[in-house]
Amino acid sequence: MNVRNFLDETEENLVLEAIKKAETNTSGEIRVHIETECKKDVLERAKEVFEKLKMHKTKLRNGVLFYVATESKHFAILGDRGINEKVESDFWNSTKELVLQKMKEGQHTEALKIGIEQAGERLKKHFPYQKNDLNELSDEISTGK
């Protein structure tokens, strides 16, 4: 799937800017993956994509994936082990609910931007940005299987 079917070039750039901005607050790494269909449990699929994108390879295990299946209308936020060991169990729920509400209203770009911004802010407490931080993962939006 081409990301253009869900976000046009301008919208994609806005999401990429949100990722870059969020990552200035935290050593956490944020990725977005968009595909058309999810034919299994959304969290299981998000875990597969997480592994495929090698998001578990960050030094602090602090990667976050925003997974979207456009036709199936599925969405998940998945954080790596380093995050999950430090945060409360419902850490992502409010962010997920806000993103889902905006998506239901047809505001895909705004949904992702708000979710990414919130993720950056929330991760800042547990994984503050360090002056020697490296961008360990690509900020590009991945697509397809």
N, C-alpha and C. Protein backbone atom coordinates (compact mmCIF):
# COMPACT_ATOMS: atom_id res chain seq x y z
N MET A 1 0.83 -1.18 0.00
CA MET A 1 0.00 0.00 0.00
C MET A 1 0.88 1.25 0.00
N ASN A 2 0.49 2.19 -0.77
CA ASN A 2 1.17 3.47 -0.79
C ASN A 2 0.55 4.34 0.30
N VAL A 3 1.41 5.00 1.07
CA VAL A 3 0.92 5.86 2.15
C VAL A 3 0.01 6.96 1.59
N ARG A 4 0.17 7.29 0.32
CA ARG A 4 -0.64 8.34 -0.32
C ARG A 4 -2.12 7.99 -0.34
N ASN A 5 -2.45 6.72 -0.25
CA ASN A 5 -3.86 6.32 -0.20
C ASN A 5 -4.51 6.70 1.12
N PHE A 6 -3.71 6.98 2.11
CA PHE A 6 -4.22 7.33 3.45
C PHE A 6 -3.84 8.76 3.81
N LEU A 7 -2.62 9.14 3.50
CA LEU A 7 -2.11 10.49 3.75
C LEU A 7 -1.51 11.02 2.45
N ASP A 8 -1.85 12.26 2.10
CA ASP A 8 -1.18 12.83 0.93
C ASP A 8 0.22 13.29 1.35
N GLU A 9 0.98 13.82 0.41
CA GLU A 9 2.37 14.18 0.69
C GLU A 9 2.48 15.23 1.81
N THR A 10 1.61 16.21 1.78
CA THR A 10 1.63 17.25 2.81
C THR A 10 1.31 16.65 4.18
N GLU A 11 0.30 15.79 4.23
CA GLU A 11 -0.09 15.15 5.49
C GLU A 11 1.02 14.24 6.01
N GLU A 12 1.65 13.51 5.10
CA GLU A 12 2.76 12.64 5.48
C GLU A 12 3.88 13.48 6.10
N ASN A 13 4.19 14.60 5.49
CA ASN A 13 5.24 15.48 6.02
C ASN A 13 4.88 16.02 7.40
N LEU A 14 3.60 16.31 7.63
CA LEU A 14 3.16 16.77 8.95
C LEU A 14 3.36 15.67 10.01
N VAL A 15 3.09 14.44 9.65
CA VAL A 15 3.29 13.32 10.57
C VAL A 15 4.79 13.13 10.84
N LEU A 16 5.60 13.22 9.79
CA LEU A 16 7.05 13.08 9.97
C LEU A 16 7.60 14.20 10.86
N GLU A 17 7.09 15.41 10.69
CA GLU A 17 7.50 16.53 11.55
C GLU A 17 7.11 16.26 13.00
N ALA A 18 5.93 15.68 13.21
CA ALA A 18 5.48 15.36 14.56
C ALA A 18 6.42 14.33 15.20
N ILE A 19 6.87 13.35 14.43
CA ILE A 19 7.80 12.34 14.95
C ILE A 19 9.11 13.01 15.36
N LYS A 20 9.65 13.82 14.45
CA LYS A 20 10.92 14.50 14.75
C LYS A 20 10.80 15.39 15.99
N LYS A 21 9.69 16.13 16.09
CA LYS A 21 9.48 17.00 17.24
C LYS A 21 9.35 16.19 18.52
N ALA A 22 8.57 15.12 18.48
CA ALA A 22 8.39 14.29 19.68
C ALA A 22 9.71 13.70 20.14
N GLU A 23 10.54 13.31 19.19
CA GLU A 23 11.82 12.69 19.53
C GLU A 23 12.84 13.70 20.06
N THR A 24 12.53 15.00 19.99
CA THR A 24 13.42 15.99 20.62
C THR A 24 13.19 16.04 22.12
N ASN A 25 12.09 15.45 22.59
CA ASN A 25 11.76 15.43 24.02
C ASN A 25 12.19 14.14 24.71
N THR A 26 12.46 13.12 23.94
CA THR A 26 12.67 11.80 24.52
C THR A 26 13.72 11.02 23.73
N SER A 27 14.36 10.08 24.42
CA SER A 27 15.26 9.16 23.72
C SER A 27 14.46 8.03 23.08
N GLY A 28 13.15 8.00 23.34
CA GLY A 28 12.27 7.01 22.73
C GLY A 28 12.25 7.16 21.22
N GLU A 29 11.97 6.08 20.54
CA GLU A 29 11.92 6.05 19.07
C GLU A 29 10.48 5.76 18.64
N ILE A 30 9.95 6.60 17.77
CA ILE A 30 8.55 6.49 17.33
C ILE A 30 8.50 6.17 15.84
N ARG A 31 7.70 5.18 15.49
CA ARG A 31 7.49 4.81 14.09
C ARG A 31 6.00 4.72 13.81
N VAL A 32 5.64 4.91 12.55
CA VAL A 32 4.26 4.74 12.08
C VAL A 32 4.30 3.72 10.95
N HIS A 33 3.39 2.77 11.00
CA HIS A 33 3.26 1.78 9.93
C HIS A 33 1.81 1.79 9.47
N ILE A 34 1.62 1.88 8.15
CA ILE A 34 0.27 1.91 7.57
C ILE A 34 0.16 0.80 6.53
N GLU A 35 -0.90 0.01 6.64
CA GLU A 35 -1.21 -1.00 5.63
C GLU A 35 -2.72 -1.07 5.47
N THR A 36 -3.16 -1.77 4.45
CA THR A 36 -4.60 -1.77 4.17
C THR A 36 -5.38 -2.71 5.09
N GLU A 37 -4.90 -3.95 5.23
CA GLU A 37 -5.69 -4.93 5.97
C GLU A 37 -4.93 -5.57 7.11
N CYS A 38 -5.68 -5.89 8.14
CA CYS A 38 -5.17 -6.64 9.28
C CYS A 38 -6.12 -7.83 9.42
N LYS A 39 -5.63 -9.02 9.10
CA LYS A 39 -6.48 -10.20 9.09
C LYS A 39 -6.36 -11.04 10.36
N LYS A 40 -5.79 -10.45 11.40
CA LYS A 40 -5.64 -11.15 12.67
C LYS A 40 -5.83 -10.15 13.79
N ASP A 41 -5.62 -10.56 15.00
CA ASP A 41 -5.70 -9.65 16.14
C ASP A 41 -4.74 -8.49 15.90
N VAL A 42 -5.24 -7.28 16.09
CA VAL A 42 -4.46 -6.08 15.76
C VAL A 42 -3.16 -6.01 16.57
N LEU A 43 -3.17 -6.41 17.82
CA LEU A 43 -1.94 -6.37 18.61
C LEU A 43 -0.93 -7.41 18.13
N GLU A 44 -1.42 -8.57 17.71
CA GLU A 44 -0.52 -9.58 17.16
C GLU A 44 0.15 -9.07 15.88
N ARG A 45 -0.65 -8.44 15.02
CA ARG A 45 -0.08 -7.88 13.79
C ARG A 45 0.90 -6.76 14.09
N ALA A 46 0.56 -5.89 15.04
CA ALA A 46 1.46 -4.81 15.42
C ALA A 46 2.79 -5.37 15.94
N LYS A 47 2.73 -6.47 16.70
CA LYS A 47 3.96 -7.10 17.20
C LYS A 47 4.81 -7.62 16.04
N GLU A 48 4.17 -8.21 15.03
CA GLU A 48 4.91 -8.69 13.87
C GLU A 48 5.62 -7.54 13.16
N VAL A 49 4.90 -6.44 12.96
CA VAL A 49 5.48 -5.28 12.30
C VAL A 49 6.61 -4.70 13.15
N PHE A 50 6.40 -4.63 14.45
CA PHE A 50 7.41 -4.14 15.38
C PHE A 50 8.72 -4.91 15.20
N GLU A 51 8.61 -6.23 15.16
CA GLU A 51 9.78 -7.09 14.97
C GLU A 51 10.40 -6.88 13.58
N LYS A 52 9.55 -6.85 12.56
CA LYS A 52 10.03 -6.68 11.19
C LYS A 52 10.82 -5.37 11.03
N LEU A 53 10.37 -4.33 11.70
CA LEU A 53 11.04 -3.03 11.63
C LEU A 53 12.23 -2.94 12.59
N LYS A 54 12.50 -4.04 13.29
CA LYS A 54 13.60 -4.14 14.24
C LYS A 54 13.54 -3.07 15.33
N MET A 55 12.32 -2.78 15.74
CA MET A 55 12.12 -1.76 16.76
C MET A 55 12.58 -2.22 18.14
N HIS A 56 12.74 -3.51 18.31
CA HIS A 56 13.23 -4.08 19.57
C HIS A 56 14.75 -3.97 19.70
N LYS A 57 15.39 -3.40 18.71
CA LYS A 57 16.86 -3.30 18.69
C LYS A 57 17.38 -1.99 19.28
N THR A 58 16.52 -1.15 19.84
CA THR A 58 17.01 0.09 20.43
C THR A 58 17.73 -0.22 21.74
N LYS A 59 18.69 0.60 22.08
CA LYS A 59 19.53 0.39 23.26
C LYS A 59 18.70 0.28 24.54
N LEU A 60 17.72 1.16 24.70
CA LEU A 60 16.91 1.18 25.92
C LEU A 60 15.58 0.45 25.77
N ARG A 61 15.38 -0.22 24.63
CA ARG A 61 14.13 -0.93 24.34
C ARG A 61 12.93 0.01 24.54
N ASN A 62 13.05 1.21 23.91
CA ASN A 62 12.03 2.24 24.10
C ASN A 62 11.41 2.71 22.78
N GLY A 63 11.17 1.76 21.90
CA GLY A 63 10.48 2.06 20.65
C GLY A 63 8.97 2.02 20.82
N VAL A 64 8.30 2.86 20.02
CA VAL A 64 6.84 2.92 20.03
C VAL A 64 6.35 2.84 18.59
N LEU A 65 5.41 1.95 18.34
CA LEU A 65 4.83 1.79 17.01
C LEU A 65 3.38 2.23 17.02
N PHE A 66 3.05 3.10 16.05
CA PHE A 66 1.66 3.44 15.76
C PHE A 66 1.30 2.62 14.52
N TYR A 67 0.44 1.63 14.70
CA TYR A 67 0.05 0.72 13.61
C TYR A 67 -1.36 1.06 13.15
N VAL A 68 -1.53 1.22 11.82
CA VAL A 68 -2.82 1.54 11.23
C VAL A 68 -3.10 0.58 10.09
N ALA A 69 -4.28 -0.06 10.11
CA ALA A 69 -4.77 -0.85 8.98
C ALA A 69 -6.00 -0.12 8.45
N THR A 70 -5.85 0.53 7.31
CA THR A 70 -6.86 1.47 6.84
C THR A 70 -8.20 0.84 6.47
N GLU A 71 -8.19 -0.21 5.67
CA GLU A 71 -9.45 -0.83 5.24
C GLU A 71 -10.11 -1.61 6.38
N SER A 72 -9.29 -2.24 7.20
CA SER A 72 -9.81 -3.02 8.33
C SER A 72 -10.24 -2.12 9.49
N LYS A 73 -9.83 -0.86 9.42
CA LYS A 73 -10.13 0.11 10.47
C LYS A 73 -9.62 -0.36 11.84
N HIS A 74 -8.35 -0.81 11.84
CA HIS A 74 -7.68 -1.24 13.06
C HIS A 74 -6.56 -0.28 13.39
N PHE A 75 -6.34 -0.09 14.68
CA PHE A 75 -5.27 0.79 15.14
C PHE A 75 -4.72 0.24 16.45
N ALA A 76 -3.41 0.34 16.61
CA ALA A 76 -2.78 -0.07 17.87
C ALA A 76 -1.55 0.80 18.12
N ILE A 77 -1.26 0.98 19.39
CA ILE A 77 -0.01 1.58 19.82
C ILE A 77 0.72 0.50 20.60
N LEU A 78 1.96 0.25 20.23
CA LEU A 78 2.73 -0.80 20.88
C LEU A 78 4.06 -0.24 21.34
N GLY A 79 4.33 -0.38 22.64
CA GLY A 79 5.61 0.05 23.20
C GLY A 79 6.48 -1.15 23.52
N ASP A 80 7.78 -0.95 23.47
CA ASP A 80 8.73 -2.03 23.73
C ASP A 80 8.86 -2.30 25.23
N ARG A 81 9.58 -3.35 25.53
CA ARG A 81 9.74 -3.84 26.89
C ARG A 81 10.28 -2.78 27.85
N GLY A 82 11.26 -1.99 27.42
CA GLY A 82 11.84 -0.97 28.30
C GLY A 82 10.80 0.02 28.78
N ILE A 83 9.86 0.36 27.91
CA ILE A 83 8.78 1.28 28.29
C ILE A 83 7.81 0.57 29.24
N ASN A 84 7.38 -0.60 28.83
CA ASN A 84 6.37 -1.33 29.60
C ASN A 84 6.83 -1.69 31.01
N GLU A 85 8.15 -1.81 31.21
CA GLU A 85 8.67 -2.10 32.55
C GLU A 85 8.60 -0.88 33.47
N LYS A 86 8.47 0.32 32.89
CA LYS A 86 8.53 1.55 33.69
C LYS A 86 7.19 2.26 33.85
N VAL A 87 6.22 1.94 33.04
CA VAL A 87 4.98 2.71 33.05
C VAL A 87 3.82 1.88 33.58
N GLU A 88 2.74 2.59 33.96
CA GLU A 88 1.54 1.91 34.42
C GLU A 88 0.90 1.14 33.26
N SER A 89 0.12 0.12 33.58
CA SER A 89 -0.42 -0.78 32.56
C SER A 89 -1.34 -0.10 31.55
N ASP A 90 -1.98 1.00 31.95
CA ASP A 90 -2.89 1.68 31.01
C ASP A 90 -2.23 2.91 30.38
N PHE A 91 -0.91 2.94 30.35
CA PHE A 91 -0.13 4.07 29.87
C PHE A 91 -0.59 4.58 28.50
N TRP A 92 -0.90 3.68 27.58
CA TRP A 92 -1.24 4.07 26.21
C TRP A 92 -2.73 4.28 25.98
N ASN A 93 -3.58 3.90 26.93
CA ASN A 93 -5.02 3.93 26.70
C ASN A 93 -5.57 5.30 26.32
N SER A 94 -5.20 6.34 27.05
CA SER A 94 -5.76 7.66 26.75
C SER A 94 -5.29 8.15 25.39
N THR A 95 -4.04 7.88 25.05
CA THR A 95 -3.53 8.28 23.73
C THR A 95 -4.27 7.51 22.64
N LYS A 96 -4.43 6.21 22.84
CA LYS A 96 -5.12 5.38 21.85
C LYS A 96 -6.56 5.87 21.64
N GLU A 97 -7.26 6.16 22.72
CA GLU A 97 -8.65 6.61 22.61
C GLU A 97 -8.76 7.94 21.87
N LEU A 98 -7.84 8.85 22.13
CA LEU A 98 -7.84 10.14 21.44
C LEU A 98 -7.59 9.96 19.94
N VAL A 99 -6.62 9.12 19.60
CA VAL A 99 -6.30 8.85 18.20
C VAL A 99 -7.51 8.21 17.51
N LEU A 100 -8.11 7.23 18.15
CA LEU A 100 -9.27 6.56 17.55
C LEU A 100 -10.43 7.53 17.32
N GLN A 101 -10.68 8.41 18.27
CA GLN A 101 -11.75 9.38 18.12
C GLN A 101 -11.51 10.28 16.91
N LYS A 102 -10.30 10.78 16.78
CA LYS A 102 -9.97 11.66 15.64
C LYS A 102 -10.06 10.90 14.32
N MET A 103 -9.66 9.63 14.32
CA MET A 103 -9.74 8.83 13.09
C MET A 103 -11.19 8.59 12.70
N LYS A 104 -12.04 8.34 13.69
CA LYS A 104 -13.47 8.14 13.41
C LYS A 104 -14.08 9.40 12.80
N GLU A 105 -13.53 10.55 13.16
CA GLU A 105 -13.99 11.82 12.61
C GLU A 105 -13.36 12.12 11.24
N GLY A 106 -12.53 11.18 10.74
CA GLY A 106 -11.89 11.36 9.44
C GLY A 106 -10.65 12.23 9.48
N GLN A 107 -10.15 12.53 10.66
CA GLN A 107 -8.99 13.40 10.82
C GLN A 107 -7.72 12.56 11.03
N HIS A 108 -7.33 11.82 9.99
CA HIS A 108 -6.22 10.88 10.11
C HIS A 108 -4.90 11.55 10.47
N THR A 109 -4.60 12.64 9.79
CA THR A 109 -3.34 13.33 10.05
C THR A 109 -3.31 13.88 11.47
N GLU A 110 -4.37 14.57 11.84
CA GLU A 110 -4.45 15.14 13.18
C GLU A 110 -4.40 14.04 14.24
N ALA A 111 -5.04 12.92 13.97
CA ALA A 111 -5.03 11.80 14.91
C ALA A 111 -3.60 11.33 15.17
N LEU A 112 -2.86 11.10 14.10
CA LEU A 112 -1.48 10.63 14.26
C LEU A 112 -0.60 11.68 14.91
N LYS A 113 -0.75 12.93 14.48
CA LYS A 113 0.05 14.01 15.07
C LYS A 113 -0.18 14.11 16.58
N ILE A 114 -1.43 14.14 16.99
CA ILE A 114 -1.75 14.25 18.42
C ILE A 114 -1.21 13.04 19.19
N GLY A 115 -1.41 11.86 18.65
CA GLY A 115 -0.93 10.65 19.32
C GLY A 115 0.58 10.65 19.46
N ILE A 116 1.27 11.04 18.41
CA ILE A 116 2.74 11.08 18.44
C ILE A 116 3.23 12.12 19.43
N GLU A 117 2.60 13.30 19.41
CA GLU A 117 2.98 14.36 20.36
C GLU A 117 2.78 13.89 21.79
N GLN A 118 1.64 13.25 22.06
CA GLN A 118 1.38 12.75 23.42
C GLN A 118 2.40 11.68 23.81
N ALA A 119 2.74 10.80 22.86
CA ALA A 119 3.72 9.76 23.15
C ALA A 119 5.05 10.39 23.54
N GLY A 120 5.48 11.39 22.79
CA GLY A 120 6.74 12.07 23.10
C GLY A 120 6.72 12.71 24.48
N GLU A 121 5.62 13.37 24.79
CA GLU A 121 5.48 14.02 26.11
C GLU A 121 5.48 12.99 27.24
N ARG A 122 4.74 11.92 27.04
CA ARG A 122 4.62 10.91 28.10
C ARG A 122 5.94 10.15 28.29
N LEU A 123 6.65 9.92 27.19
CA LEU A 123 7.92 9.20 27.30
C LEU A 123 9.02 10.05 27.91
N LYS A 124 8.87 11.36 27.79
CA LYS A 124 9.89 12.28 28.31
C LYS A 124 10.18 12.03 29.79
N LYS A 125 9.16 11.68 30.56
CA LYS A 125 9.35 11.43 32.00
C LYS A 125 10.29 10.26 32.26
N HIS A 126 10.12 9.20 31.49
CA HIS A 126 10.86 7.96 31.73
C HIS A 126 12.11 7.84 30.86
N PHE A 127 12.10 8.49 29.72
CA PHE A 127 13.20 8.42 28.77
C PHE A 127 13.50 9.82 28.24
N PRO A 128 14.02 10.70 29.09
CA PRO A 128 14.29 12.07 28.63
C PRO A 128 15.35 12.08 27.53
N TYR A 129 15.27 13.09 26.70
CA TYR A 129 16.26 13.26 25.64
C TYR A 129 17.63 13.51 26.25
N GLN A 130 18.63 12.86 25.75
CA GLN A 130 20.01 13.06 26.19
C GLN A 130 20.78 13.74 25.06
N LYS A 131 21.72 14.60 25.41
CA LYS A 131 22.43 15.36 24.37
C LYS A 131 23.19 14.47 23.40
N ASN A 132 23.53 13.27 23.80
CA ASN A 132 24.26 12.36 22.91
C ASN A 132 23.35 11.31 22.27
N ASP A 133 22.02 11.52 22.35
CA ASP A 133 21.08 10.56 21.76
C ASP A 133 21.30 10.42 20.27
N LEU A 134 21.19 9.20 19.81
CA LEU A 134 21.23 8.90 18.38
C LEU A 134 19.82 8.55 17.95
N ASN A 135 19.48 8.92 16.74
CA ASN A 135 18.21 8.49 16.17
C ASN A 135 18.42 7.05 15.70
N GLU A 136 17.98 6.09 16.51
CA GLU A 136 18.28 4.69 16.27
C GLU A 136 17.41 4.05 15.19
N LEU A 137 16.23 4.63 14.95
CA LEU A 137 15.32 4.07 13.97
C LEU A 137 14.90 5.15 12.97
N SER A 138 14.62 4.73 11.78
CA SER A 138 14.14 5.66 10.75
C SER A 138 12.84 6.30 11.20
N ASP A 139 12.66 7.55 10.85
CA ASP A 139 11.41 8.25 11.15
C ASP A 139 10.38 8.06 10.03
N GLU A 140 10.81 7.49 8.91
CA GLU A 140 9.92 7.33 7.76
C GLU A 140 8.72 6.45 8.10
N ILE A 141 7.62 6.75 7.47
CA ILE A 141 6.40 5.94 7.62
C ILE A 141 6.58 4.69 6.77
N SER A 142 6.43 3.53 7.38
CA SER A 142 6.52 2.28 6.63
C SER A 142 5.13 1.85 6.20
N THR A 143 5.07 1.07 5.14
CA THR A 143 3.79 0.64 4.60
C THR A 143 3.85 -0.82 4.16
N GLY A 144 2.67 -1.38 3.94
CA GLY A 144 2.56 -2.71 3.35
C GLY A 144 2.76 -3.83 4.33
N LYS A 145 2.94 -5.00 3.78
CA LYS A 145 3.06 -6.23 4.57
C LYS A 145 4.39 -6.35 5.20
